[in-house]
Protein backbone atom coordinates (compact mmCIF):
# COMPACT_ATOMS: atom_id res chain seq x y z
CA MET A 1 -12.28 -6.12 19.06
CA LYS A 2 -8.75 -4.96 19.87
CA PRO A 3 -7.67 -1.62 18.39
CA VAL A 4 -4.92 -3.23 16.29
CA HIS A 5 -7.46 -5.63 14.77
CA LEU A 6 -9.82 -2.77 13.96
CA GLN A 7 -6.93 -0.88 12.37
CA PHE A 8 -6.01 -3.93 10.34
CA PHE A 9 -9.55 -4.34 9.02
CA LYS A 10 -9.80 -0.63 8.23
CA TYR A 11 -6.44 -0.83 6.46
CA LEU A 12 -7.73 -3.79 4.45
CA ALA A 13 -10.86 -1.84 3.51
CA VAL A 14 -8.79 1.14 2.39
CA GLY A 15 -6.44 -1.32 0.69
CA ALA A 16 -9.32 -2.96 -1.16
CA LEU A 17 -10.50 0.41 -2.45
CA ASN A 18 -6.95 1.49 -3.18
CA SER A 19 -6.16 -1.82 -4.92
CA ALA A 20 -9.30 -1.67 -7.05
CA ILE A 21 -8.57 1.88 -8.19
CA GLY A 22 -4.86 1.15 -8.58
CA LEU A 23 -5.45 -2.02 -10.59
CA PHE A 24 -7.98 -0.16 -12.74
CA CYS A 25 -5.31 2.44 -13.50
CA ILE A 26 -2.59 -0.20 -14.04
CA PHE A 27 -4.70 -2.35 -16.35
CA GLY A 28 -6.01 0.72 -18.19
CA CYS A 29 -2.46 1.89 -18.83
CA MET A 30 -1.46 -1.60 -19.97
CA LYS A 31 -4.41 -1.65 -22.38
CA LEU A 32 -3.23 1.71 -23.72
CA GLY A 33 0.10 0.07 -24.54
CA LEU A 34 2.29 1.30 -21.68
CA ASN A 35 4.87 -1.16 -20.36
CA ASP A 36 4.29 -3.12 -17.15
CA VAL A 37 6.53 -1.09 -14.84
CA LEU A 38 5.28 2.32 -16.06
CA SER A 39 1.67 1.11 -15.80
CA ASN A 40 2.37 -0.13 -12.30
CA ALA A 41 3.99 3.17 -11.27
CA ILE A 42 1.03 5.23 -12.47
CA GLY A 43 -1.41 3.02 -10.59
CA TYR A 44 0.61 3.26 -7.41
CA ILE A 45 1.03 7.03 -7.60
CA VAL A 46 -2.75 7.41 -7.81
CA GLY A 47 -3.15 4.90 -5.01
CA PHE A 48 -0.59 6.64 -2.79
CA PHE A 49 -2.68 9.78 -2.40
CA ILE A 50 -5.87 7.80 -1.75
CA SER A 51 -4.06 5.62 0.78
CA TYR A 52 -2.39 8.47 2.65
CA SER A 53 -5.60 10.44 2.97
CA ALA A 54 -7.84 7.56 4.03
CA ASN A 55 -5.36 5.76 6.26
CA SER A 56 -4.12 8.83 8.09
CA ARG A 57 -7.61 10.04 8.93
CA TRP A 58 -9.77 6.92 9.15
CA THR A 59 -7.54 3.93 9.85
CA PHE A 60 -5.01 5.51 12.20
CA ASN A 61 -7.13 8.45 13.48
CA GLN A 62 -4.56 11.16 12.83
CA ARG A 63 -6.31 14.43 13.58
CA LYS A 64 -3.40 16.42 12.21
CA THR A 65 -0.86 15.26 9.74
CA SER A 66 2.57 16.76 9.39
CA ALA A 67 5.32 16.85 6.84
CA SER A 68 7.22 14.26 8.87
CA THR A 69 4.21 11.91 8.87
CA PHE A 70 3.91 12.35 5.11
CA VAL A 71 7.62 11.63 4.62
CA ARG A 72 7.46 8.55 6.87
CA PHE A 73 4.45 7.25 4.95
CA LEU A 74 6.16 8.00 1.64
CA SER A 75 9.21 6.06 2.86
CA VAL A 76 7.06 3.07 3.80
CA ILE A 77 5.31 3.18 0.46
CA CYS A 78 8.65 3.34 -1.37
CA VAL A 79 9.83 0.21 0.44
CA ALA A 80 6.50 -1.52 -0.20
CA TYR A 81 6.62 -0.46 -3.85
CA ALA A 82 10.17 -1.79 -4.25
CA CYS A 83 9.02 -5.13 -2.81
CA ASN A 84 6.08 -5.03 -5.23
CA ILE A 85 8.37 -4.50 -8.23
CA VAL A 86 10.70 -7.31 -7.14
CA ILE A 87 7.75 -9.71 -6.89
CA LEU A 88 6.20 -8.45 -10.15
CA LEU A 89 9.40 -8.95 -12.12
CA ALA A 90 10.35 -12.23 -10.42
CA ALA A 91 6.90 -13.67 -11.01
CA LYS A 92 6.91 -12.58 -14.64
CA HIS A 93 10.51 -13.27 -15.67
CA ILE A 94 11.68 -16.03 -13.33
CA ALA A 95 8.48 -17.95 -12.53
CA HIS A 96 7.01 -17.10 -15.98
CA PHE A 97 3.61 -16.21 -14.58
CA ASP A 98 1.17 -14.27 -16.72
CA ARG A 99 1.77 -10.52 -16.51
CA TRP A 100 -1.71 -9.93 -15.07
CA ILE A 101 -1.21 -12.47 -12.27
CA SER A 102 2.24 -11.02 -11.62
CA GLN A 103 0.66 -7.59 -11.04
CA ILE A 104 -1.78 -9.09 -8.52
CA LEU A 105 1.03 -10.84 -6.62
CA GLY A 106 2.82 -7.49 -6.44
CA VAL A 107 -0.32 -5.86 -5.01
CA ILE A 108 -0.56 -8.47 -2.26
CA THR A 109 3.08 -7.95 -1.30
CA TYR A 110 2.68 -4.17 -1.34
CA THR A 111 -0.36 -4.36 0.94
CA LEU A 112 1.29 -6.53 3.59
CA VAL A 113 4.52 -4.53 3.70
CA GLY A 114 2.53 -1.27 3.67
CA PHE A 115 0.38 -2.15 6.69
CA ALA A 116 3.33 -3.18 8.80
CA GLY A 117 5.19 0.03 7.94
CA ALA A 118 2.19 2.29 8.41
CA ARG A 119 1.24 0.72 11.73
CA PHE A 120 4.69 0.64 13.30
CA PHE A 121 6.45 3.57 11.64
CA SER A 122 4.30 6.10 9.76
CA PHE A 123 1.30 6.42 12.07
CA ARG A 124 2.65 4.97 15.29
CA ALA A 125 1.09 6.27 18.45
CA LYS A 126 3.22 8.93 20.11
CA ASN A 127 2.30 7.87 23.62
CA THR A 128 1.95 4.13 23.92
CA THR A 129 0.87 2.52 27.10
CA THR A 130 0.47 -1.13 27.71
CA SER A 131 -1.91 -2.73 30.10
CA SER A 132 -1.34 -6.02 31.82
CA THR A 133 -4.84 -7.34 31.19
């Protein structure tokens, strides 16, 4: 298996855990009467710390993390989160999907944007070499 494929599957595994915990927080907040966006924000804040810790160490094998790595990952997550909110609100208010389904569509968007950003920006290899095999 190529390293990028292994990273992708690890990212998906972390994402599955992160999504399950995040959705649990989101849905719990919604059940407590919080609005959709606030519920979503709380779930994603919890998920951010899980994701950073697991992805930096396990998925992308970062032995040491730095403030700049943290800031890059935070930037990626902010972009992914903004995409998530756009999809959440568009699905709910324009497409008139159920609010629960709209949250799930946002999670999918967040995951795809997050992997691309983490792989190519946050945790990119410092020394990349390419082989011609």
